[in-house]
Amino acid sequence: MLKEELACCEQIGFDSINQALLEFAKKDIFKDEILKYAVFTENEIESVKNDLSQAEIETMKRRADMVSIAKELINEFTVIEFENDADFSDLSHIPIAYTTDEILEFPINVFVDLEKMKLVKRYNNNSEFDSGVYFGESKDKMYMILGNLEFDELVSVPDYVREEIGKDDALDMTNNSSRSL
């Protein structure tokens, strides 16, 4: 979300969104959010070493390291499963599995959100039914989740989700038929 707000950074004199984020962090504007969600290169981190505390620099390095490891694990899965590299163009939505439920025929999308550090299952293209697994700042938990990805497990649908989606679909059909009278 923060990156979307800063999309016009190049128009106001910054070479990149990351450069603008670094300048904001140095000026203590959105610093906590920037350190929590943004990913910087080693050179970018080096460029602010005199403006931020050692603890803040370490936080930035830890986050960059976590994202790098996560990317490796995700890419390993997509290459093995689909014979293609993963798409890392949007770190908040890295697709890793897609299929259609065989019973109710709704779409199942699975993606990794590296900004919020979680694995998300989205059923029926509706965030109301999202099921997320947070792995946060724990490398062990991240390895446990992203290092053991299995397609069939990723796209499995719990019965309660099918029931809820079935109820919603039935309600939609009832509402649509009452409007047509």
Protein backbone atom coordinates (compact mmCIF):
# COMPACT_ATOMS: atom_id res chain seq x y z
CA MET A 1 0.00 0.00 0.00
CA LEU A 2 2.79 2.40 0.91
CA LYS A 3 4.53 1.72 -2.41
CA GLU A 4 1.31 2.53 -4.28
CA GLU A 5 1.13 5.88 -2.50
CA LEU A 6 4.70 6.64 -3.59
CA ALA A 7 4.33 5.63 -7.24
CA CYS A 8 4.93 9.18 -8.42
CA CYS A 9 8.31 9.47 -6.65
CA GLU A 10 10.21 9.70 -9.92
CA GLN A 11 8.14 12.75 -10.85
CA ILE A 12 9.29 14.59 -7.73
CA GLY A 13 13.01 13.92 -8.12
CA PHE A 14 13.70 10.44 -6.77
CA ASP A 15 15.30 7.76 -8.93
CA SER A 16 13.20 5.02 -7.40
CA ILE A 17 10.53 4.29 -4.84
CA ASN A 18 13.20 2.77 -2.60
CA GLN A 19 15.19 6.01 -2.69
CA ALA A 20 12.09 7.93 -1.58
CA LEU A 21 11.41 5.37 1.15
CA LEU A 22 14.97 5.70 2.41
CA GLU A 23 14.66 9.49 2.51
CA PHE A 24 11.39 9.21 4.43
CA ALA A 25 12.95 6.75 6.88
CA LYS A 26 15.91 9.08 7.44
CA LYS A 27 13.47 11.90 8.24
CA ASP A 28 11.48 9.63 10.56
CA ILE A 29 8.41 9.73 8.29
CA PHE A 30 6.66 6.34 8.21
CA LYS A 31 9.94 4.87 9.49
CA ASP A 32 8.34 1.96 11.39
CA GLU A 33 6.22 0.93 8.40
CA ILE A 34 9.14 1.31 5.99
CA LEU A 35 11.42 -0.83 8.15
CA LYS A 36 8.67 -3.40 8.60
CA TYR A 37 7.54 -3.81 4.97
CA ALA A 38 10.12 -2.44 2.54
CA VAL A 39 12.95 -4.51 1.10
CA PHE A 40 16.23 -2.81 0.27
CA THR A 41 19.41 -3.89 -1.47
CA GLU A 42 22.72 -4.02 0.38
CA ASN A 43 23.82 -0.80 -1.37
CA GLU A 44 20.62 0.99 -0.35
CA ILE A 45 21.07 -0.11 3.25
CA GLU A 46 24.69 1.04 3.15
CA SER A 47 23.58 4.46 1.91
CA VAL A 48 21.64 5.18 5.13
CA LYS A 49 24.04 3.67 7.67
CA ASN A 50 24.90 7.11 9.08
CA ASP A 51 21.27 8.27 9.27
CA LEU A 52 19.64 5.32 11.04
CA SER A 53 20.50 3.47 14.23
CA GLN A 54 22.44 0.22 14.14
CA ALA A 55 19.30 -1.61 15.29
CA GLU A 56 17.30 -0.15 12.39
CA ILE A 57 20.03 -1.12 9.92
CA GLU A 58 20.04 -4.65 11.34
CA THR A 59 16.24 -4.79 10.97
CA MET A 60 16.58 -3.80 7.31
CA LYS A 61 19.28 -6.42 6.71
CA ARG A 62 17.27 -9.16 8.46
CA ARG A 63 14.21 -8.35 6.37
CA ALA A 64 16.23 -8.34 3.13
CA ASP A 65 17.77 -11.69 4.11
CA MET A 66 14.34 -13.20 4.89
CA VAL A 67 12.92 -12.03 1.57
CA SER A 68 15.92 -13.40 -0.32
CA ILE A 69 15.58 -16.82 1.32
CA ALA A 70 11.80 -16.82 0.77
CA LYS A 71 12.31 -16.04 -2.93
CA GLU A 72 14.69 -18.98 -3.25
CA LEU A 73 12.22 -21.35 -1.59
CA ILE A 74 9.30 -20.10 -3.67
CA ASN A 75 11.25 -20.28 -6.91
CA GLU A 76 12.44 -23.80 -6.11
CA PHE A 77 8.79 -24.87 -5.72
CA THR A 78 7.57 -23.18 -8.93
CA VAL A 79 10.44 -24.58 -11.00
CA ILE A 80 9.81 -28.12 -9.72
CA GLU A 81 6.01 -27.90 -9.94
CA PHE A 82 5.51 -25.79 -13.08
CA GLU A 83 8.96 -25.71 -14.74
CA ASN A 84 8.86 -21.88 -14.57
CA ASP A 85 10.47 -19.27 -12.37
CA ALA A 86 8.20 -17.49 -9.91
CA ASP A 87 6.92 -14.00 -10.69
CA PHE A 88 8.39 -11.59 -8.12
CA SER A 89 7.15 -8.39 -9.78
CA ASP A 90 4.76 -7.73 -6.87
CA LEU A 91 6.13 -8.85 -3.50
CA SER A 92 2.68 -8.58 -1.93
CA HIS A 93 1.23 -11.13 -4.38
CA ILE A 94 3.56 -13.89 -5.64
CA PRO A 95 1.33 -16.53 -7.25
CA ILE A 96 2.30 -20.13 -6.49
CA ALA A 97 -0.83 -22.20 -7.22
CA TYR A 98 -4.13 -21.88 -9.05
CA THR A 99 -6.91 -24.33 -9.79
CA THR A 100 -10.68 -24.71 -9.72
CA ASP A 101 -12.55 -26.55 -6.98
CA GLU A 102 -13.82 -29.82 -8.43
CA ILE A 103 -17.09 -29.77 -6.45
CA LEU A 104 -18.41 -26.18 -6.54
CA GLU A 105 -16.19 -25.05 -9.43
CA PHE A 106 -14.88 -21.85 -7.84
CA PRO A 107 -11.31 -20.60 -8.34
CA ILE A 108 -8.59 -21.28 -5.77
CA ASN A 109 -5.60 -18.93 -5.80
CA VAL A 110 -2.59 -19.36 -3.55
CA PHE A 111 0.05 -16.67 -3.24
CA VAL A 112 2.81 -15.50 -0.94
CA ASP A 113 2.75 -11.97 0.45
CA LEU A 114 6.35 -11.07 1.30
CA GLU A 115 5.37 -7.63 2.53
CA LYS A 116 3.26 -9.17 5.29
CA MET A 117 5.31 -12.40 5.36
CA LYS A 118 2.44 -14.83 4.91
CA LEU A 119 1.06 -17.54 2.65
CA VAL A 120 -2.50 -16.77 1.51
CA LYS A 121 -5.18 -19.04 0.06
CA ARG A 122 -8.01 -17.17 -1.65
CA TYR A 123 -11.19 -19.02 -2.48
CA ASN A 124 -13.76 -17.85 -5.04
CA ASN A 125 -11.77 -14.65 -5.79
CA ASN A 126 -13.13 -13.28 -2.54
CA SER A 127 -10.81 -12.00 0.20
CA GLU A 128 -13.62 -12.71 2.69
CA PHE A 129 -12.64 -16.39 2.40
CA ASP A 130 -8.86 -15.83 2.63
CA SER A 131 -6.94 -18.29 4.71
CA GLY A 132 -3.49 -17.06 5.66
CA VAL A 133 -0.49 -18.57 7.39
CA TYR A 134 1.84 -15.96 8.89
CA PHE A 135 5.52 -16.86 9.10
CA GLY A 136 6.69 -13.41 10.20
CA GLU A 137 10.30 -12.87 11.10
CA SER A 138 11.04 -16.47 12.04
CA LYS A 139 13.38 -18.19 9.58
CA ASP A 140 12.49 -21.58 11.06
CA LYS A 141 8.77 -21.02 10.51
CA MET A 142 9.42 -19.67 7.02
CA TYR A 143 11.47 -22.76 6.11
CA MET A 144 8.74 -24.98 7.57
CA ILE A 145 6.04 -23.30 5.47
CA LEU A 146 7.79 -22.33 2.23
CA GLY A 147 10.28 -25.20 2.23
CA ASN A 148 7.53 -27.83 2.26
CA LEU A 149 5.07 -26.56 -0.35
CA GLU A 150 2.92 -29.23 -2.00
CA PHE A 151 0.45 -28.32 -4.73
CA ASP A 152 -2.35 -30.67 -3.61
CA GLU A 153 -2.14 -29.42 -0.04
CA LEU A 154 -2.03 -25.78 -1.16
CA VAL A 155 -5.23 -26.06 -3.19
CA SER A 156 -7.19 -28.27 -0.80
CA VAL A 157 -10.46 -26.73 0.37
CA PRO A 158 -11.81 -27.15 3.90
CA ASP A 159 -15.45 -28.23 4.12
CA TYR A 160 -16.47 -25.08 6.02
CA VAL A 161 -15.22 -22.92 3.13
CA ARG A 162 -17.25 -24.94 0.61
CA GLU A 163 -20.31 -24.61 2.85
CA GLU A 164 -19.91 -20.83 3.16
CA ILE A 165 -19.33 -20.37 -0.56
CA GLY A 166 -22.30 -22.62 -1.31
CA LYS A 167 -24.47 -20.51 1.02
CA ASP A 168 -23.26 -17.29 -0.61
CA ASP A 169 -23.94 -18.66 -4.10
CA ALA A 170 -27.42 -19.82 -3.07
CA LEU A 171 -28.13 -16.40 -1.55
CA ASP A 172 -26.91 -14.68 -4.73
CA MET A 173 -29.20 -16.88 -6.84
CA THR A 174 -32.16 -16.08 -4.56
CA ASN A 175 -31.43 -12.35 -4.70
CA ASN A 176 -31.02 -12.41 -8.50
CA SER A 177 -34.24 -14.34 -9.09
CA SER A 178 -36.26 -12.02 -6.83
CA ARG A 179 -35.02 -9.00 -8.75
CA SER A 180 -36.10 -10.38 -12.08
CA LEU A 181 -39.76 -10.50 -11.09
